[in-house]
Amino acid sequence: MPELPEVEALAAFLRETAADLTVARVEPVAVNALKTFDPPFSTLVGAALVTVQRHGKFLDLVFAAADGERLDLITHLARAGWLQWKAKQPRTPARPGRGPLALRVVFTDGSGFDLTEAGTQKRLAVYLVRDPAQVDGISRLGVDPLSPEFTRDVLAALLAESGRAQIKGVITDQSKIAGVGNAYSDEALWVARLSPFRPAAALTATEVDQLHAAVTGVLRDAADAARGLAAADLKAEKKLGLKVHGQTGLPCPRCADTIREVSFSDRSLQYCPTCQTDGRPLADRRLSKLLK
């Protein structure tokens, strides 16, 4: 799943590559991905790309129509979505089918991008609005962890008000902290030496310090590594930087214990028993508890 660092890098790539380009064609292919109808996507034709922003995991392409109206083409890439940039888009119109293509944008110079989604769980979402706040997911976002507003005290308050909710769930709750997903939460908890299932309000002051430093550090390091990369290279860079997420069965890079996994119905998390759970493995079942 693309998370904050990858979406930030996509925004930077598009600002550098496509700024001021004018839209020649917009081809909605997967109707289920389109979450708005007014204004129609055809109003993007003739609009120029002004800038590209990020709101949590949402990518926001800001256009100026010929009459000066602002239009925001916003996408949430979900678990298996991606933006594929092409220096030369096909001249023939895209046709609906069973392939991964959801939306195609072609600029007047022939370049453009495709929004695609692999797999059968189609969750990619595309919106065309006049104000980002019109997208419910954006209006509900919590604090951005790379912003100055994400202080240690803000995190402490979020954890305290979450009671017995597990830390993993709290830091991936987009209404609390915007942009952290499954992979980088695993990484941050490993850096902070915390079990993903610790009750949020039970953390000591020192542990809150460690978690705040871990979340901001992991995200900044990943964003720095992704900066300047082309869209096609971002997925590989993310995988290269992961220490525990997706590393089940491999040795922990810090203590050499075996990385373990807890599987759920549609996702999994990874952790190091020695570093995070006092050497005790977590039960691999939904609503896992520490084995006794």
Foldseek 3Di string as FASTA:
>chain_A
DDFDLLLVQQQLQCQVPFAFFAWQDKAFAAPVQEDDDVVHPVQSHQWGFHGWDDQQQKIWTWTQHPVRQIKIKIKRQPDFKAKAWDPADDPDGDHHDDAFFGMWIATPNRITITIGGDDDPDDMHIYIDRDPCVDVLRVLFAAELQDPVNDLVLLLVQLQVQFQAFQLVSCQPRSHYGGDDQQLSLQLLLQLLADRRGRSNPDDSVSSVSSSCSSNVSSVVLNVQSHPDDRVCNVVSVVVPGQWFVQAQAARPVPGAGWHWADDPPDIHIHGCVSHPVNFDWDNYPVIDTDD
